[in-house]
Amino acid sequence: MNPLYFPFTHMTAPVAAAFARCFEKILIYGPISLESRPDPAPSDAVSEKVDIDLRIPVQGDEEKLLQQLNSYVAWADLHGGALSHFKGRGGEIPFYDENTLSRIRSEIKGMNREMDREKGPKPDPLFTARIFLLMAERFDRQQGELEAGLSDYEGMQKQLMKALKSDDFEEQSDPILPWGEDLGIYATRSRIEAWAQLAQKEKEIPSLWITQSRAAFEQMIDDLPEGETVAEIEGIPLIEPPDLFGWREALQGFLEAALTQGPATAAPSPPEGAGKRMLRLRLHRISGTGPMEALTRLSGAQKEESEAGEENLLIGLLEPVL
């Protein structure tokens, strides 16, 4: 059972390394074709940590997508930079309608004219969702690069301290942090809605979804029908344990059982590993709601309550225990 990563379209190497403690392969949905991506697909550094299955549920309009993304970057650079602009907007989505796109293009060209929101064709929700996911991915990549640079700097500091101190200086073997700030706190609901609109176009949706973002996990649970926590597995070693294969096999069996509504089975015990830093896997089951129905709700297309179905959904949060 390979989990589906949400609500991000980009994964950093530290996050991939953490997921590799529990899963052999992770499924990621991308908003643009591999040939047209403005940034590279998951790097070798990420792929070495865990097997990434990158899928593109929707293709088409790639050139238009890139044009709008470039316009956003140029416009944001005039207003303090794309990264700070995205970060400072909270839950507001830049570019999320054709009127905003046209206004940005006008500002870049130095044209200041009022726009009539009643005129012009209505934007395609799926197209605007893909634009937003591209912008969010760019933001996430930049933040990841900043975190990696900070981690490298702190690593050099440790090496310097080791060189200056005596031979019996004990070096800390654990990573400083598995990953940095929870990027899911920025435009949380908008990220989930755009991601759900994209994911709806995939034919087969896994029944297990996983994230490292507590903000995205809690928002998704709030937006879906009431469920229950089926397990909180503590003590998963961040540093690779010797019996990783056996542990992942046991976890797979537990996840398959947890998707059913039968009697709860005991969660497997994680293997012992070196280092003090550990991970926690929290699993939340929503009974009677399958993956496609959940995506319909999350995308904003279904507001009314519906009768419970036969499918279930398992949502997981993997986070560091600090």
Protein backbone atom coordinates (compact mmCIF):
# COMPACT_ATOMS: atom_id res chain seq x y z
CA MET A 1 0.00 0.00 0.00
CA ASN A 2 1.76 3.14 -1.25
CA PRO A 3 0.54 6.37 0.38
CA LEU A 4 -0.43 9.54 -1.46
CA TYR A 5 1.44 12.68 -0.37
CA PHE A 6 -0.69 15.76 0.36
CA PRO A 7 -1.20 18.67 -0.16
CA PHE A 8 2.25 19.33 -1.62
CA THR A 9 3.66 18.68 -5.09
CA HIS A 10 7.30 18.90 -3.96
CA MET A 11 9.17 16.87 -1.33
CA THR A 12 12.46 17.81 0.28
CA ALA A 13 15.21 15.29 1.02
CA PRO A 14 14.73 15.44 4.84
CA VAL A 15 11.01 14.72 4.49
CA ALA A 16 11.71 11.88 2.06
CA ALA A 17 14.23 10.39 4.50
CA ALA A 18 11.62 10.45 7.27
CA PHE A 19 8.94 8.83 5.10
CA ALA A 20 11.45 6.14 4.10
CA ARG A 21 11.39 4.91 7.70
CA CYS A 22 7.80 3.79 7.13
CA PHE A 23 7.23 3.44 3.37
CA GLU A 24 9.14 2.15 0.39
CA LYS A 25 7.31 4.27 -2.19
CA ILE A 26 5.42 7.60 -2.04
CA LEU A 27 2.94 8.81 -4.66
CA ILE A 28 3.03 12.53 -5.58
CA TYR A 29 0.70 14.38 -7.96
CA GLY A 30 2.25 17.13 -10.07
CA PRO A 31 0.46 20.10 -11.72
CA ILE A 32 2.47 20.19 -14.97
CA SER A 33 4.05 17.70 -17.36
CA LEU A 34 7.61 16.58 -16.72
CA GLU A 35 8.80 18.04 -20.02
CA SER A 36 7.39 21.50 -19.20
CA ARG A 37 8.36 21.80 -15.53
CA PRO A 38 10.07 25.11 -14.68
CA ASP A 39 11.94 23.29 -11.91
CA PRO A 40 13.37 19.78 -12.01
CA ALA A 41 11.40 16.75 -10.90
CA PRO A 42 12.26 15.23 -7.49
CA SER A 43 16.03 15.28 -7.28
CA ASP A 44 18.31 12.29 -7.01
CA ALA A 45 18.86 13.23 -3.37
CA VAL A 46 15.15 12.74 -2.72
CA SER A 47 14.80 9.62 -4.89
CA GLU A 48 17.67 7.96 -3.05
CA LYS A 49 15.77 8.31 0.22
CA VAL A 50 12.44 6.88 -0.95
CA ASP A 51 11.01 5.75 -4.28
CA ILE A 52 8.97 8.67 -5.70
CA ASP A 53 6.08 7.84 -8.03
CA LEU A 54 5.38 11.22 -9.64
CA ARG A 55 2.14 11.33 -11.63
CA ILE A 56 0.55 14.12 -13.65
CA PRO A 57 -3.27 13.80 -13.44
CA VAL A 58 -3.88 16.63 -15.93
CA GLN A 59 -1.83 17.79 -18.90
CA GLY A 60 -2.43 20.54 -21.40
CA ASP A 61 -2.10 24.34 -21.50
CA GLU A 62 1.50 23.93 -20.31
CA GLU A 63 2.72 27.02 -22.17
CA LYS A 64 -0.07 29.15 -20.75
CA LEU A 65 0.67 27.84 -17.25
CA LEU A 66 4.32 28.82 -17.56
CA GLN A 67 3.43 32.25 -18.92
CA GLN A 68 1.19 32.94 -15.95
CA LEU A 69 3.79 31.61 -13.51
CA ASN A 70 6.48 33.85 -15.04
CA SER A 71 4.12 36.83 -14.83
CA TYR A 72 3.53 36.08 -11.15
CA VAL A 73 7.26 35.83 -10.44
CA ALA A 74 7.97 39.10 -12.27
CA TRP A 75 5.10 40.87 -10.53
CA ALA A 76 6.03 39.51 -7.10
CA ASP A 77 9.66 40.54 -7.58
CA LEU A 78 8.42 44.10 -7.98
CA HIS A 79 6.61 43.76 -4.66
CA GLY A 80 9.34 42.35 -2.42
CA GLY A 81 10.01 38.95 -3.98
CA ALA A 82 7.89 35.92 -4.82
CA LEU A 83 8.79 34.06 -1.63
CA SER A 84 7.93 36.87 0.78
CA HIS A 85 4.80 37.77 -1.21
CA PHE A 86 3.40 34.23 -1.08
CA LYS A 87 4.33 33.88 2.59
CA GLY A 88 2.71 37.15 3.55
CA ARG A 89 -0.68 36.58 1.94
CA GLY A 90 -1.93 34.11 4.55
CA GLY A 91 -4.90 32.24 3.16
CA GLU A 92 -5.37 34.54 0.16
CA ILE A 93 -4.47 33.04 -3.19
CA PRO A 94 -2.67 35.27 -5.68
CA PHE A 95 -3.60 34.58 -9.32
CA TYR A 96 -6.68 32.67 -8.30
CA ASP A 97 -8.91 34.34 -10.88
CA GLU A 98 -8.54 35.82 -14.35
CA ASN A 99 -9.16 39.34 -13.06
CA THR A 100 -6.15 39.12 -10.75
CA LEU A 101 -4.02 37.75 -13.58
CA SER A 102 -4.96 40.64 -15.84
CA ARG A 103 -4.34 43.20 -13.08
CA ILE A 104 -0.86 41.82 -12.48
CA ARG A 105 -0.06 41.90 -16.19
CA SER A 106 -1.25 45.51 -16.32
CA GLU A 107 0.93 46.53 -13.37
CA ILE A 108 3.99 44.93 -14.97
CA LYS A 109 3.39 46.89 -18.19
CA GLY A 110 2.91 50.10 -16.23
CA MET A 111 -0.77 50.36 -17.07
CA ASN A 112 -3.11 51.43 -14.28
CA ARG A 113 -6.69 50.91 -15.26
CA GLU A 114 -9.72 49.70 -13.38
CA MET A 115 -11.02 46.28 -14.18
CA ASP A 116 -14.63 45.30 -14.49
CA ARG A 117 -15.00 41.98 -12.67
CA GLU A 118 -18.20 41.22 -14.53
CA LYS A 119 -16.51 41.14 -17.94
CA GLY A 120 -14.40 38.48 -19.52
CA PRO A 121 -14.60 34.69 -19.43
CA LYS A 122 -14.78 32.96 -16.10
CA PRO A 123 -11.56 31.14 -15.19
CA ASP A 124 -11.30 27.37 -15.34
CA PRO A 125 -11.09 26.22 -11.67
CA LEU A 126 -8.76 23.37 -12.57
CA PHE A 127 -6.41 25.63 -14.51
CA THR A 128 -6.24 28.18 -11.69
CA ALA A 129 -5.68 25.34 -9.21
CA ARG A 130 -2.70 24.17 -11.25
CA ILE A 131 -1.29 27.71 -11.32
CA PHE A 132 -1.61 27.96 -7.56
CA LEU A 133 0.08 24.59 -7.04
CA LEU A 134 2.97 25.71 -9.26
CA MET A 135 3.35 28.89 -7.20
CA ALA A 136 3.16 26.94 -3.95
CA GLU A 137 5.77 24.47 -5.22
CA ARG A 138 8.11 27.31 -6.11
CA PHE A 139 7.67 28.74 -2.63
CA ASP A 140 8.23 25.33 -1.01
CA ARG A 141 11.40 24.75 -3.06
CA GLN A 142 12.84 28.11 -2.05
CA GLN A 143 12.07 27.49 1.60
CA GLY A 144 13.63 24.03 1.35
CA GLU A 145 16.79 25.48 -0.16
CA LEU A 146 17.02 28.00 2.69
CA GLU A 147 16.61 25.23 5.28
CA ALA A 148 19.24 23.10 3.53
CA GLY A 149 21.67 26.01 3.51
CA LEU A 150 21.11 26.58 7.22
CA SER A 151 21.62 22.89 7.94
CA ASP A 152 24.89 22.88 5.96
CA TYR A 153 26.10 25.92 7.87
CA GLU A 154 25.33 24.33 11.23
CA GLY A 155 27.08 21.17 10.07
CA MET A 156 30.22 23.17 9.29
CA GLN A 157 30.01 24.76 12.73
CA LYS A 158 30.01 21.29 14.30
CA GLN A 159 33.04 20.25 12.28
CA LEU A 160 34.86 23.40 13.37
CA MET A 161 34.03 22.74 17.02
CA LYS A 162 35.28 19.19 16.67
CA ALA A 163 38.55 20.40 15.17
CA LEU A 164 39.06 22.98 17.92
CA LYS A 165 38.21 20.68 20.82
CA SER A 166 40.00 17.63 22.12
CA ASP A 167 39.92 14.20 20.52
CA ASP A 168 37.31 13.02 23.01
CA PHE A 169 34.79 15.63 21.80
CA GLU A 170 31.50 13.81 21.37
CA GLU A 171 29.79 14.78 18.14
CA GLN A 172 25.99 14.79 18.02
CA SER A 173 25.00 12.19 15.43
CA ASP A 174 21.34 13.14 15.10
CA PRO A 175 20.14 15.60 12.46
CA ILE A 176 19.38 19.04 13.88
CA LEU A 177 15.80 18.79 12.66
CA PRO A 178 14.15 16.41 10.17
CA TRP A 179 12.78 19.43 8.33
CA GLY A 180 12.17 23.06 8.99
CA GLU A 181 9.04 25.13 9.30
CA ASP A 182 5.64 23.61 8.59
CA LEU A 183 4.91 25.16 5.19
CA GLY A 184 1.34 23.91 5.38
CA ILE A 185 0.50 26.85 7.65
CA TYR A 186 0.53 29.13 4.59
CA ALA A 187 -2.76 29.18 2.67
CA THR A 188 -3.67 25.83 4.21
CA ARG A 189 -7.23 25.50 2.98
CA SER A 190 -6.31 26.89 -0.45
CA ARG A 191 -3.51 24.35 -0.81
CA ILE A 192 -5.85 21.50 0.04
CA GLU A 193 -8.61 22.72 -2.27
CA ALA A 194 -6.26 23.16 -5.23
CA TRP A 195 -4.59 19.80 -4.56
CA ALA A 196 -7.99 18.07 -4.33
CA GLN A 197 -9.12 19.54 -7.66
CA LEU A 198 -6.00 18.16 -9.31
CA ALA A 199 -6.18 14.77 -7.59
CA GLN A 200 -9.79 14.28 -8.70
CA LYS A 201 -8.57 13.82 -12.26
CA GLU A 202 -6.55 10.72 -11.39
CA LYS A 203 -8.38 7.48 -12.16
CA GLU A 204 -7.29 5.44 -9.14
CA ILE A 205 -6.85 7.22 -5.80
CA PRO A 206 -5.07 5.44 -2.92
CA SER A 207 -6.98 5.03 0.33
CA LEU A 208 -3.96 6.09 2.39
CA TRP A 209 -2.86 9.74 2.41
CA ILE A 210 0.20 11.00 4.26
CA THR A 211 1.74 14.35 5.19
CA GLN A 212 4.36 15.86 7.47
CA SER A 213 2.31 19.06 7.89
CA ARG A 214 0.28 19.20 11.08
CA ALA A 215 -1.59 22.25 9.76
CA ALA A 216 -2.69 20.41 6.59
CA PHE A 217 -3.54 17.26 8.55
CA GLU A 218 -5.76 19.09 11.04
CA GLN A 219 -7.43 21.21 8.34
CA MET A 220 -8.27 18.14 6.29
CA ILE A 221 -9.74 16.33 9.28
CA ASP A 222 -11.87 19.39 10.07
CA ASP A 223 -13.18 19.55 6.49
CA LEU A 224 -14.10 15.85 6.21
CA PRO A 225 -16.74 13.82 8.05
CA GLU A 226 -16.00 12.82 11.61
CA GLY A 227 -13.50 10.00 11.99
CA GLU A 228 -11.39 8.37 14.65
CA THR A 229 -7.74 8.01 15.56
CA VAL A 230 -6.81 4.37 15.05
CA ALA A 231 -3.16 4.54 16.10
CA GLU A 232 -0.36 6.77 17.31
CA ILE A 233 2.90 4.93 16.77
CA GLU A 234 5.72 6.48 18.79
CA GLY A 235 9.44 5.87 18.73
CA ILE A 236 10.09 5.49 15.00
CA PRO A 237 13.85 6.09 14.69
CA LEU A 238 14.92 8.95 12.47
CA ILE A 239 18.27 7.31 11.78
CA GLU A 240 17.80 4.17 9.66
CA PRO A 241 17.40 1.07 11.88
CA PRO A 242 18.97 -2.28 10.96
CA ASP A 243 15.64 -4.09 10.45
CA LEU A 244 13.89 -1.49 8.30
CA PHE A 245 12.37 -4.03 5.88
CA GLY A 246 10.73 -6.10 8.63
CA TRP A 247 9.26 -3.03 10.30
CA ARG A 248 7.83 -1.66 7.05
CA GLU A 249 6.28 -5.04 6.24
CA ALA A 250 4.61 -5.16 9.66
CA LEU A 251 3.37 -1.59 9.24
CA GLN A 252 1.88 -2.41 5.82
CA GLY A 253 -0.13 -5.25 7.33
CA PHE A 254 -1.39 -2.97 10.09
CA LEU A 255 -2.40 -0.23 7.63
CA GLU A 256 -4.41 -2.68 5.53
CA ALA A 257 -6.22 -3.86 8.65
CA ALA A 258 -6.78 -0.30 9.86
CA LEU A 259 -8.63 0.57 6.65
CA THR A 260 -11.36 -1.90 7.54
CA GLN A 261 -13.96 -1.42 10.22
CA GLY A 262 -13.13 -4.70 11.90
CA PRO A 263 -11.64 -5.07 15.37
CA ALA A 264 -8.59 -2.88 15.87
CA THR A 265 -5.31 -4.75 15.76
CA ALA A 266 -2.29 -3.80 17.81
CA ALA A 267 0.07 -1.42 16.06
CA PRO A 268 3.53 -2.86 15.37
CA SER A 269 6.44 -1.73 17.53
CA PRO A 270 9.10 0.26 15.68
CA PRO A 271 12.62 -1.16 15.61
CA GLU A 272 15.30 0.27 17.83
CA GLY A 273 17.61 2.74 16.18
CA ALA A 274 20.56 4.93 16.96
CA GLY A 275 20.13 8.51 18.06
CA LYS A 276 17.67 10.27 20.28
CA ARG A 277 15.38 11.86 17.71
CA MET A 278 12.25 9.92 16.93
CA LEU A 279 9.20 10.18 14.71
CA ARG A 280 5.51 9.73 15.50
CA LEU A 281 2.95 8.35 13.03
CA ARG A 282 -0.65 9.31 13.74
CA LEU A 283 -3.36 7.54 11.75
CA HIS A 284 -6.92 8.86 11.41
CA ARG A 285 -9.65 6.75 9.77
CA ILE A 286 -12.78 8.19 8.18
CA SER A 287 -15.29 5.41 7.77
CA GLY A 288 -17.87 5.48 4.99
CA THR A 289 -15.97 8.07 2.95
CA GLY A 290 -13.80 6.88 0.09
CA PRO A 291 -10.93 8.79 -1.54
CA MET A 292 -12.97 10.21 -4.43
CA GLU A 293 -15.81 11.42 -2.21
CA ALA A 294 -13.26 13.01 0.13
CA LEU A 295 -11.64 14.83 -2.79
CA THR A 296 -15.03 16.08 -3.94
CA ARG A 297 -15.67 17.55 -0.50
CA LEU A 298 -12.21 19.05 -0.19
CA SER A 299 -12.39 20.67 -3.63
CA GLY A 300 -15.49 22.59 -2.58
CA ALA A 301 -17.77 20.83 -5.07
CA GLN A 302 -19.87 19.02 -2.45
CA LYS A 303 -21.30 20.93 0.48
CA GLU A 304 -24.31 18.87 1.54
CA GLU A 305 -24.06 15.76 3.67
CA SER A 306 -24.32 12.41 1.91
CA GLU A 307 -24.98 8.90 3.10
CA ALA A 308 -22.01 6.86 4.26
CA GLY A 309 -20.56 4.55 1.65
CA GLU A 310 -18.64 1.31 1.89
CA GLU A 311 -15.15 2.76 1.38
CA ASN A 312 -12.87 4.14 4.09
CA LEU A 313 -10.02 6.62 4.07
CA LEU A 314 -6.86 6.58 6.19
CA ILE A 315 -5.02 9.87 6.74
CA GLY A 316 -1.58 9.87 8.31
CA LEU A 317 0.65 12.49 9.92
CA LEU A 318 4.37 11.74 10.33
CA GLU A 319 6.07 14.28 12.55
CA PRO A 320 9.21 14.56 14.67
CA VAL A 321 9.06 14.08 18.42
CA LEU A 322 11.14 16.97 19.72
